[in-house]
Structures are given as structure tokens and as C-alpha cells.
Amino acid sequence: MTEASWGDAAASRPIDWTMSAALENVVRGGDDIAEVTNLHEAVQAWRELDPEHRARAILILDHPVRIDGALANRFEGEGIGILVERLPG
């Protein structure tokens, strides 16, 4: 088994909006079902949720991104909003 190593490469690269991401704790068809999609679509879907579901949502990224000097691959609730501010175009 190979271990993941993010190191300096993750620290210097821009956000890859096409990477896989899972948006969890959101209602889909009456059930809480994770939506696996790309990061761009997941962040846009979170933005369209009602406040209650935004607060409970969890976003897990395929690999970490650097936000304000820290690497993270998991965002919760309103913390996902920091990615909304960085959406391209």
C-alpha cells in the first residue's frame, strides 16, 4: 500500500475545482445522501441549500487545498463558505 504525500506540491498549487468532492449531510429525495461530484459543483450545490442544511453539511475533498496558509481537505457547515468566496468566474 502506498501512503499519500501532499507536501510542498499541495502547498503551492491553485485550487483544482475539477477534483472529486463529496458533499455530505444534505437531503436528496427525502434522505441524507452524500453527493459525489467535482469541487466546483459541490460548492455551488452547498450555496443553494437552505440555512439548516448548510449548517449541517460536510464537504470532503479528494486532496487538500491551501486556504489562508493552512492545508485542509474537509470543511463543515458555514466553513464551506470560504470556498464560495474563491469560486472562479
PDB file of N, CA and C in Angstrom:
ATOM      1  N   MET A   1       0.848  -1.170   0.000  1.00  0.00           N
ATOM      2  CA  MET A   1       0.000   0.000   0.000  1.00  0.00           C
ATOM      3  C   MET A   1       0.897   1.238   0.000  1.00  0.00           C
ATOM      4  N   THR A   2       0.533   2.225  -0.746  1.00  0.00           N
ATOM      5  CA  THR A   2       1.293   3.470  -0.831  1.00  0.00           C
ATOM      6  C   THR A   2       0.608   4.538  -0.003  1.00  0.00           C
ATOM      7  N   GLU A   3       1.392   5.288   0.757  1.00  0.00           N
ATOM      8  CA  GLU A   3       0.839   6.389   1.545  1.00  0.00           C
ATOM      9  C   GLU A   3       0.783   7.651   0.705  1.00  0.00           C
ATOM     10  N   ALA A   4      -0.246   8.453   0.936  1.00  0.00           N
ATOM     11  CA  ALA A   4      -0.365   9.742   0.253  1.00  0.00           C
ATOM     12  C   ALA A   4       0.615  10.728   0.866  1.00  0.00           C
ATOM     13  N   SER A   5       1.223  11.517   0.012  1.00  0.00           N
ATOM     14  CA  SER A   5       2.151  12.544   0.482  1.00  0.00           C
ATOM     15  C   SER A   5       1.827  13.833  -0.245  1.00  0.00           C
ATOM     16  N   TRP A   6       1.350  14.821   0.506  1.00  0.00           N
ATOM     17  CA  TRP A   6       0.932  16.059  -0.136  1.00  0.00           C
ATOM     18  C   TRP A   6       2.048  17.074  -0.184  1.00  0.00           C
ATOM     19  N   GLY A   7       2.764  17.272   0.874  1.00  0.00           N
ATOM     20  CA  GLY A   7       3.946  18.118   0.931  1.00  0.00           C
ATOM     21  C   GLY A   7       3.827  19.464   0.248  1.00  0.00           C
ATOM     22  N   ASP A   8       4.939  19.907  -0.320  1.00  0.00           N
ATOM     23  CA  ASP A   8       5.031  21.237  -0.925  1.00  0.00           C
ATOM     24  C   ASP A   8       4.179  21.391  -2.181  1.00  0.00           C
ATOM     25  N   ALA A   9       3.948  20.313  -2.906  1.00  0.00           N
ATOM     26  CA  ALA A   9       3.149  20.409  -4.132  1.00  0.00           C
ATOM     27  C   ALA A   9       1.748  20.910  -3.819  1.00  0.00           C
ATOM     28  N   ALA A  10       1.135  20.392  -2.773  1.00  0.00           N
ATOM     29  CA  ALA A  10      -0.211  20.829  -2.390  1.00  0.00           C
ATOM     30  C   ALA A  10      -0.192  22.259  -1.884  1.00  0.00           C
ATOM     31  N   ALA A  11       0.920  22.661  -1.302  1.00  0.00           N
ATOM     32  CA  ALA A  11       1.011  23.994  -0.722  1.00  0.00           C
ATOM     33  C   ALA A  11       1.062  25.076  -1.786  1.00  0.00           C
ATOM     34  N   SER A  12       1.584  24.742  -2.960  1.00  0.00           N
ATOM     35  CA  SER A  12       1.805  25.788  -3.948  1.00  0.00           C
ATOM     36  C   SER A  12       0.824  25.773  -5.113  1.00  0.00           C
ATOM     37  N   ARG A  13       0.068  24.717  -5.272  1.00  0.00           N
ATOM     38  CA  ARG A  13      -0.817  24.668  -6.441  1.00  0.00           C
ATOM     39  C   ARG A  13      -2.142  25.378  -6.168  1.00  0.00           C
ATOM     40  N   PRO A  14      -2.744  25.923  -7.237  1.00  0.00           N
ATOM     41  CA  PRO A  14      -4.059  26.565  -7.073  1.00  0.00           C
ATOM     42  C   PRO A  14      -5.131  25.504  -6.826  1.00  0.00           C
ATOM     43  N   ILE A  15      -6.299  25.947  -6.389  1.00  0.00           N
ATOM     44  CA  ILE A  15      -7.405  25.020  -6.135  1.00  0.00           C
ATOM     45  C   ILE A  15      -7.811  24.347  -7.448  1.00  0.00           C
ATOM     46  N   ASP A  16      -7.883  23.033  -7.425  1.00  0.00           N
ATOM     47  CA  ASP A  16      -8.329  22.241  -8.577  1.00  0.00           C
ATOM     48  C   ASP A  16      -9.831  22.040  -8.445  1.00  0.00           C
ATOM     49  N   TRP A  17     -10.598  22.853  -9.117  1.00  0.00           N
ATOM     50  CA  TRP A  17     -12.052  22.825  -8.994  1.00  0.00           C
ATOM     51  C   TRP A  17     -12.663  21.601  -9.647  1.00  0.00           C
ATOM     52  N   THR A  18     -11.863  20.810 -10.394  1.00  0.00           N
ATOM     53  CA  THR A  18     -12.379  19.610 -11.041  1.00  0.00           C
ATOM     54  C   THR A  18     -12.136  18.346 -10.208  1.00  0.00           C
ATOM     55  N   MET A  19     -11.428  18.465  -9.065  1.00  0.00           N
ATOM     56  CA  MET A  19     -11.173  17.279  -8.236  1.00  0.00           C
ATOM     57  C   MET A  19     -12.480  16.733  -7.670  1.00  0.00           C
ATOM     58  N   SER A  20     -12.477  15.461  -7.333  1.00  0.00           N
ATOM     59  CA  SER A  20     -13.644  14.831  -6.719  1.00  0.00           C
ATOM     60  C   SER A  20     -13.884  15.410  -5.328  1.00  0.00           C
ATOM     61  N   ALA A  21     -15.155  15.549  -4.996  1.00  0.00           N
ATOM     62  CA  ALA A  21     -15.542  16.056  -3.680  1.00  0.00           C
ATOM     63  C   ALA A  21     -16.878  15.434  -3.300  1.00  0.00           C
ATOM     64  N   ALA A  22     -17.043  15.162  -2.017  1.00  0.00           N
ATOM     65  CA  ALA A  22     -18.309  14.606  -1.517  1.00  0.00           C
ATOM     66  C   ALA A  22     -18.967  15.639  -0.616  1.00  0.00           C
ATOM     67  N   LEU A  23     -20.198  15.973  -0.922  1.00  0.00           N
ATOM     68  CA  LEU A  23     -20.992  16.871  -0.095  1.00  0.00           C
ATOM     69  C   LEU A  23     -21.945  15.998   0.708  1.00  0.00           C
ATOM     70  N   GLU A  24     -21.733  15.941   2.021  1.00  0.00           N
ATOM     71  CA  GLU A  24     -22.486  15.024   2.879  1.00  0.00           C
ATOM     72  C   GLU A  24     -23.446  15.774   3.798  1.00  0.00           C
ATOM     73  N   ASN A  25     -24.386  15.005   4.375  1.00  0.00           N
ATOM     74  CA  ASN A  25     -25.401  15.523   5.298  1.00  0.00           C
ATOM     75  C   ASN A  25     -26.344  16.519   4.631  1.00  0.00           C
ATOM     76  N   VAL A  26     -26.653  16.269   3.385  1.00  0.00           N
ATOM     77  CA  VAL A  26     -27.630  17.091   2.678  1.00  0.00           C
ATOM     78  C   VAL A  26     -28.760  16.176   2.207  1.00  0.00           C
ATOM     79  N   VAL A  27     -29.955  16.690   2.168  1.00  0.00           N
ATOM     80  CA  VAL A  27     -31.119  15.893   1.797  1.00  0.00           C
ATOM     81  C   VAL A  27     -31.234  15.809   0.280  1.00  0.00           C
ATOM     82  N   ARG A  28     -31.373  14.582  -0.186  1.00  0.00           N
ATOM     83  CA  ARG A  28     -31.619  14.312  -1.611  1.00  0.00           C
ATOM     84  C   ARG A  28     -32.799  13.348  -1.671  1.00  0.00           C
ATOM     85  N   GLY A  29     -33.904  13.771  -2.199  1.00  0.00           N
ATOM     86  CA  GLY A  29     -35.075  12.912  -2.306  1.00  0.00           C
ATOM     87  C   GLY A  29     -35.606  12.422  -0.975  1.00  0.00           C
ATOM     88  N   GLY A  30     -35.513  13.252   0.054  1.00  0.00           N
ATOM     89  CA  GLY A  30     -36.039  12.894   1.362  1.00  0.00           C
ATOM     90  C   GLY A  30     -35.071  12.158   2.264  1.00  0.00           C
ATOM     91  N   ASP A  31     -33.904  11.768   1.748  1.00  0.00           N
ATOM     92  CA  ASP A  31     -32.904  11.056   2.545  1.00  0.00           C
ATOM     93  C   ASP A  31     -31.599  11.843   2.570  1.00  0.00           C
ATOM     94  N   ASP A  32     -30.825  11.653   3.653  1.00  0.00           N
ATOM     95  CA  ASP A  32     -29.489  12.244   3.711  1.00  0.00           C
ATOM     96  C   ASP A  32     -28.549  11.374   2.899  1.00  0.00           C
ATOM     97  N   ILE A  33     -28.159  11.857   1.744  1.00  0.00           N
ATOM     98  CA  ILE A  33     -27.313  11.095   0.836  1.00  0.00           C
ATOM     99  C   ILE A  33     -26.141  11.974   0.418  1.00  0.00           C
ATOM    100  N   ALA A  34     -24.934  11.414   0.457  1.00  0.00           N
ATOM    101  CA  ALA A  34     -23.760  12.160   0.003  1.00  0.00           C
ATOM    102  C   ALA A  34     -23.820  12.339  -1.505  1.00  0.00           C
ATOM    103  N   GLU A  35     -23.469  13.517  -1.951  1.00  0.00           N
ATOM    104  CA  GLU A  35     -23.378  13.790  -3.377  1.00  0.00           C
ATOM    105  C   GLU A  35     -21.904  13.836  -3.735  1.00  0.00           C
ATOM    106  N   VAL A  36     -21.475  12.931  -4.596  1.00  0.00           N
ATOM    107  CA  VAL A  36     -20.085  12.906  -5.034  1.00  0.00           C
ATOM    108  C   VAL A  36     -20.036  13.527  -6.414  1.00  0.00           C
ATOM    109  N   THR A  37     -19.238  14.558  -6.543  1.00  0.00           N
ATOM    110  CA  THR A  37     -19.171  15.322  -7.774  1.00  0.00           C
ATOM    111  C   THR A  37     -17.816  16.020  -7.805  1.00  0.00           C
ATOM    112  N   ASN A  38     -17.669  17.052  -8.622  1.00  0.00           N
ATOM    113  CA  ASN A  38     -16.418  17.815  -8.572  1.00  0.00           C
ATOM    114  C   ASN A  38     -16.575  18.962  -7.560  1.00  0.00           C
ATOM    115  N   LEU A  39     -15.461  19.512  -7.162  1.00  0.00           N
ATOM    116  CA  LEU A  39     -15.470  20.540  -6.121  1.00  0.00           C
ATOM    117  C   LEU A  39     -16.317  21.742  -6.514  1.00  0.00           C
ATOM    118  N   HIS A  40     -16.205  22.193  -7.739  1.00  0.00           N
ATOM    119  CA  HIS A  40     -16.962  23.361  -8.200  1.00  0.00           C
ATOM    120  C   HIS A  40     -18.465  23.125  -8.038  1.00  0.00           C
ATOM    121  N   GLU A  41     -18.951  21.973  -8.518  1.00  0.00           N
ATOM    122  CA  GLU A  41     -20.381  21.661  -8.427  1.00  0.00           C
ATOM    123  C   GLU A  41     -20.826  21.489  -6.977  1.00  0.00           C
ATOM    124  N   ALA A  42     -19.983  20.879  -6.139  1.00  0.00           N
ATOM    125  CA  ALA A  42     -20.334  20.672  -4.738  1.00  0.00           C
ATOM    126  C   ALA A  42     -20.489  22.000  -4.005  1.00  0.00           C
ATOM    127  N   VAL A  43     -19.579  22.935  -4.258  1.00  0.00           N
ATOM    128  CA  VAL A  43     -19.645  24.240  -3.595  1.00  0.00           C
ATOM    129  C   VAL A  43     -20.875  25.005  -4.081  1.00  0.00           C
ATOM    130  N   GLN A  44     -21.165  24.923  -5.361  1.00  0.00           N
ATOM    131  CA  GLN A  44     -22.366  25.588  -5.871  1.00  0.00           C
ATOM    132  C   GLN A  44     -23.627  24.964  -5.277  1.00  0.00           C
ATOM    133  N   ALA A  45     -23.655  23.639  -5.145  1.00  0.00           N
ATOM    134  CA  ALA A  45     -24.824  22.968  -4.560  1.00  0.00           C
ATOM    135  C   ALA A  45     -24.994  23.389  -3.103  1.00  0.00           C
ATOM    136  N   TRP A  46     -23.887  23.505  -2.359  1.00  0.00           N
ATOM    137  CA  TRP A  46     -23.970  23.936  -0.961  1.00  0.00           C
ATOM    138  C   TRP A  46     -24.562  25.338  -0.875  1.00  0.00           C
ATOM    139  N   ARG A  47     -24.156  26.207  -1.779  1.00  0.00           N
ATOM    140  CA  ARG A  47     -24.623  27.597  -1.778  1.00  0.00           C
ATOM    141  C   ARG A  47     -26.147  27.676  -1.959  1.00  0.00           C
ATOM    142  N   GLU A  48     -26.715  26.694  -2.630  1.00  0.00           N
ATOM    143  CA  GLU A  48     -28.159  26.701  -2.905  1.00  0.00           C
ATOM    144  C   GLU A  48     -28.990  26.033  -1.807  1.00  0.00           C
ATOM    145  N   LEU A  49     -28.331  25.441  -0.801  1.00  0.00           N
ATOM    146  CA  LEU A  49     -29.063  24.789   0.291  1.00  0.00           C
ATOM    147  C   LEU A  49     -29.723  25.812   1.211  1.00  0.00           C
ATOM    148  N   ASP A  50     -30.759  25.371   1.922  1.00  0.00           N
ATOM    149  CA  ASP A  50     -31.366  26.233   2.932  1.00  0.00           C
ATOM    150  C   ASP A  50     -30.393  26.331   4.117  1.00  0.00           C
ATOM    151  N   PRO A  51     -30.533  27.352   4.957  1.00  0.00           N
ATOM    152  CA  PRO A  51     -29.585  27.570   6.059  1.00  0.00           C
ATOM    153  C   PRO A  51     -29.378  26.364   6.983  1.00  0.00           C
ATOM    154  N   GLU A  52     -30.435  25.616   7.272  1.00  0.00           N
ATOM    155  CA  GLU A  52     -30.308  24.456   8.156  1.00  0.00           C
ATOM    156  C   GLU A  52     -29.387  23.391   7.549  1.00  0.00           C
ATOM    157  N   HIS A  53     -29.570  23.113   6.256  1.00  0.00           N
ATOM    158  CA  HIS A  53     -28.746  22.103   5.612  1.00  0.00           C
ATOM    159  C   HIS A  53     -27.324  22.615   5.367  1.00  0.00           C
ATOM    160  N   ARG A  54     -27.167  23.889   5.117  1.00  0.00           N
ATOM    161  CA  ARG A  54     -25.808  24.456   5.002  1.00  0.00           C
ATOM    162  C   ARG A  54     -25.034  24.229   6.296  1.00  0.00           C
ATOM    163  N   ALA A  55     -25.694  24.462   7.421  1.00  0.00           N
ATOM    164  CA  ALA A  55     -25.030  24.345   8.716  1.00  0.00           C
ATOM    165  C   ALA A  55     -24.596  22.912   9.013  1.00  0.00           C
ATOM    166  N   ARG A  56     -25.336  21.921   8.514  1.00  0.00           N
ATOM    167  CA  ARG A  56     -25.018  20.522   8.794  1.00  0.00           C
ATOM    168  C   ARG A  56     -24.131  19.871   7.745  1.00  0.00           C
ATOM    169  N   ALA A  57     -23.935  20.529   6.613  1.00  0.00           N
ATOM    170  CA  ALA A  57     -23.197  19.928   5.500  1.00  0.00           C
ATOM    171  C   ALA A  57     -21.718  19.720   5.831  1.00  0.00           C
ATOM    172  N   ILE A  58     -21.176  18.677   5.235  1.00  0.00           N
ATOM    173  CA  ILE A  58     -19.752  18.373   5.331  1.00  0.00           C
ATOM    174  C   ILE A  58     -19.242  18.186   3.909  1.00  0.00           C
ATOM    175  N   LEU A  59     -18.135  18.825   3.589  1.00  0.00           N
ATOM    176  CA  LEU A  59     -17.526  18.732   2.269  1.00  0.00           C
ATOM    177  C   LEU A  59     -16.152  18.095   2.430  1.00  0.00           C
ATOM    178  N   ILE A  60     -15.946  16.958   1.765  1.00  0.00           N
ATOM    179  CA  ILE A  60     -14.673  16.250   1.842  1.00  0.00           C
ATOM    180  C   ILE A  60     -14.046  16.239   0.446  1.00  0.00           C
ATOM    181  N   LEU A  61     -12.827  16.745   0.362  1.00  0.00           N
ATOM    182  CA  LEU A  61     -12.122  16.875  -0.915  1.00  0.00           C
ATOM    183  C   LEU A  61     -11.207  15.684  -1.167  1.00  0.00           C
ATOM    184  N   ASP A  62     -10.946  15.432  -2.430  1.00  0.00           N
ATOM    185  CA  ASP A  62     -10.060  14.348  -2.842  1.00  0.00           C
ATOM    186  C   ASP A  62      -8.619  14.578  -2.373  1.00  0.00           C
ATOM    187  N   HIS A  63      -8.201  15.841  -2.382  1.00  0.00           N
ATOM    188  CA  HIS A  63      -6.891  16.207  -1.846  1.00  0.00           C
ATOM    189  C   HIS A  63      -6.979  17.605  -1.234  1.00  0.00           C
ATOM    190  N   PRO A  64      -6.057  17.931  -0.346  1.00  0.00           N
ATOM    191  CA  PRO A  64      -6.164  19.197   0.380  1.00  0.00           C
ATOM    192  C   PRO A  64      -5.909  20.418  -0.497  1.00  0.00           C
ATOM    193  N   VAL A  65      -6.466  21.532  -0.052  1.00  0.00           N
ATOM    194  CA  VAL A  65      -6.220  22.835  -0.673  1.00  0.00           C
ATOM    195  C   VAL A  65      -5.669  23.765   0.403  1.00  0.00           C
ATOM    196  N   ARG A  66      -4.913  24.755  -0.016  1.00  0.00           N
ATOM    197  CA  ARG A  66      -4.363  25.726   0.926  1.00  0.00           C
ATOM    198  C   ARG A  66      -5.323  26.907   1.011  1.00  0.00           C
ATOM    199  N   ILE A  67      -5.814  27.154   2.224  1.00  0.00           N
ATOM    200  CA  ILE A  67      -6.711  28.271   2.498  1.00  0.00           C
ATOM    201  C   ILE A  67      -6.090  29.079   3.634  1.00  0.00           C
ATOM    202  N   ASP A  68      -5.779  30.319   3.363  1.00  0.00           N
ATOM    203  CA  ASP A  68      -5.203  31.212   4.373  1.00  0.00           C
ATOM    204  C   ASP A  68      -4.020  30.577   5.102  1.00  0.00           C
ATOM    205  N   GLY A  69      -3.156  29.914   4.335  1.00  0.00           N
ATOM    206  CA  GLY A  69      -1.934  29.350   4.889  1.00  0.00           C
ATOM    207  C   GLY A  69      -2.040  27.949   5.449  1.00  0.00           C
ATOM    208  N   ALA A  70      -3.242  27.388   5.550  1.00  0.00           N
ATOM    209  CA  ALA A  70      -3.415  26.048   6.121  1.00  0.00           C
ATOM    210  C   ALA A  70      -3.955  25.087   5.067  1.00  0.00           C
ATOM    211  N   LEU A  71      -3.474  23.848   5.104  1.00  0.00           N
ATOM    212  CA  LEU A  71      -3.992  22.818   4.211  1.00  0.00           C
ATOM    213  C   LEU A  71      -5.215  22.168   4.844  1.00  0.00           C
ATOM    214  N   ALA A  72      -6.253  21.973   4.040  1.00  0.00           N
ATOM    215  CA  ALA A  72      -7.476  21.338   4.537  1.00  0.00           C
ATOM    216  C   ALA A  72      -8.110  20.527   3.415  1.00  0.00           C
ATOM    217  N   ASN A  73      -8.682  19.388   3.774  1.00  0.00           N
ATOM    218  CA  ASN A  73      -9.441  18.604   2.794  1.00  0.00           C
ATOM    219  C   ASN A  73     -10.848  18.288   3.307  1.00  0.00           C
ATOM    220  N   ARG A  74     -11.222  18.948   4.411  1.00  0.00           N
ATOM    221  CA  ARG A  74     -12.563  18.776   4.981  1.00  0.00           C
ATOM    222  C   ARG A  74     -13.064  20.130   5.484  1.00  0.00           C
ATOM    223  N   PHE A  75     -14.283  20.457   5.101  1.00  0.00           N
ATOM    224  CA  PHE A  75     -14.909  21.704   5.517  1.00  0.00           C
ATOM    225  C   PHE A  75     -16.299  21.367   6.037  1.00  0.00           C
ATOM    226  N   GLU A  76     -16.726  22.068   7.078  1.00  0.00           N
ATOM    227  CA  GLU A  76     -18.028  21.796   7.676  1.00  0.00           C
ATOM    228  C   GLU A  76     -18.860  23.065   7.771  1.00  0.00           C
ATOM    229  N   GLY A  77     -20.175  22.893   7.597  1.00  0.00           N
ATOM    230  CA  GLY A  77     -21.123  23.988   7.779  1.00  0.00           C
ATOM    231  C   GLY A  77     -20.738  25.245   7.036  1.00  0.00           C
ATOM    232  N   GLU A  78     -20.831  26.356   7.751  1.00  0.00           N
ATOM    233  CA  GLU A  78     -20.540  27.651   7.136  1.00  0.00           C
ATOM    234  C   GLU A  78     -19.076  27.796   6.729  1.00  0.00           C
ATOM    235  N   GLY A  79     -18.222  26.887   7.198  1.00  0.00           N
ATOM    236  CA  GLY A  79     -16.822  26.887   6.772  1.00  0.00           C
ATOM    237  C   GLY A  79     -16.674  26.628   5.277  1.00  0.00           C
ATOM    238  N   ILE A  80     -17.669  26.006   4.673  1.00  0.00           N
ATOM    239  CA  ILE A  80     -17.656  25.771   3.229  1.00  0.00           C
ATOM    240  C   ILE A  80     -17.740  27.101   2.484  1.00  0.00           C
ATOM    241  N   GLY A  81     -18.307  28.105   3.139  1.00  0.00           N
ATOM    242  CA  GLY A  81     -18.448  29.426   2.516  1.00  0.00           C
ATOM    243  C   GLY A  81     -17.130  30.036   2.103  1.00  0.00           C
ATOM    244  N   ILE A  82     -16.041  29.660   2.741  1.00  0.00           N
ATOM    245  CA  ILE A  82     -14.733  30.198   2.361  1.00  0.00           C
ATOM    246  C   ILE A  82     -14.353  29.769   0.949  1.00  0.00           C
ATOM    247  N   LEU A  83     -14.864  28.604   0.531  1.00  0.00           N
ATOM    248  CA  LEU A  83     -14.627  28.157  -0.841  1.00  0.00           C
ATOM    249  C   LEU A  83     -15.531  28.885  -1.823  1.00  0.00           C
ATOM    250  N   VAL A  84     -16.738  29.237  -1.392  1.00  0.00           N
ATOM    251  CA  VAL A  84     -17.644  30.013  -2.245  1.00  0.00           C
ATOM    252  C   VAL A  84     -16.961  31.320  -2.658  1.00  0.00           C
ATOM    253  N   GLU A  85     -16.273  31.953  -1.709  1.00  0.00           N
ATOM    254  CA  GLU A  85     -15.578  33.212  -1.983  1.00  0.00           C
ATOM    255  C   GLU A  85     -14.480  33.048  -3.020  1.00  0.00           C
ATOM    256  N   ARG A  86     -13.986  31.830  -3.225  1.00  0.00           N
ATOM    257  CA  ARG A  86     -12.881  31.582  -4.142  1.00  0.00           C
ATOM    258  C   ARG A  86     -13.314  30.945  -5.449  1.00  0.00           C
ATOM    259  N   LEU A  87     -14.632  30.737  -5.646  1.00  0.00           N
ATOM    260  CA  LEU A  87     -15.102  30.144  -6.893  1.00  0.00           C
ATOM    261  C   LEU A  87     -14.628  30.969  -8.087  1.00  0.00           C
ATOM    262  N   PRO A  88     -14.158  30.309  -9.130  1.00  0.00           N
ATOM    263  CA  PRO A  88     -13.722  31.047 -10.312  1.00  0.00           C
ATOM    264  C   PRO A  88     -14.907  31.632 -11.082  1.00  0.00           C
ATOM    265  N   GLY A  89     -14.629  32.737 -11.731  1.00  0.00           N
ATOM    266  CA  GLY A  89     -15.568  33.405 -12.607  1.00  0.00           C
ATOM    267  C   GLY A  89     -16.869  33.622 -12.038  1.00  0.00           C
TER     268      GLY A  89
END
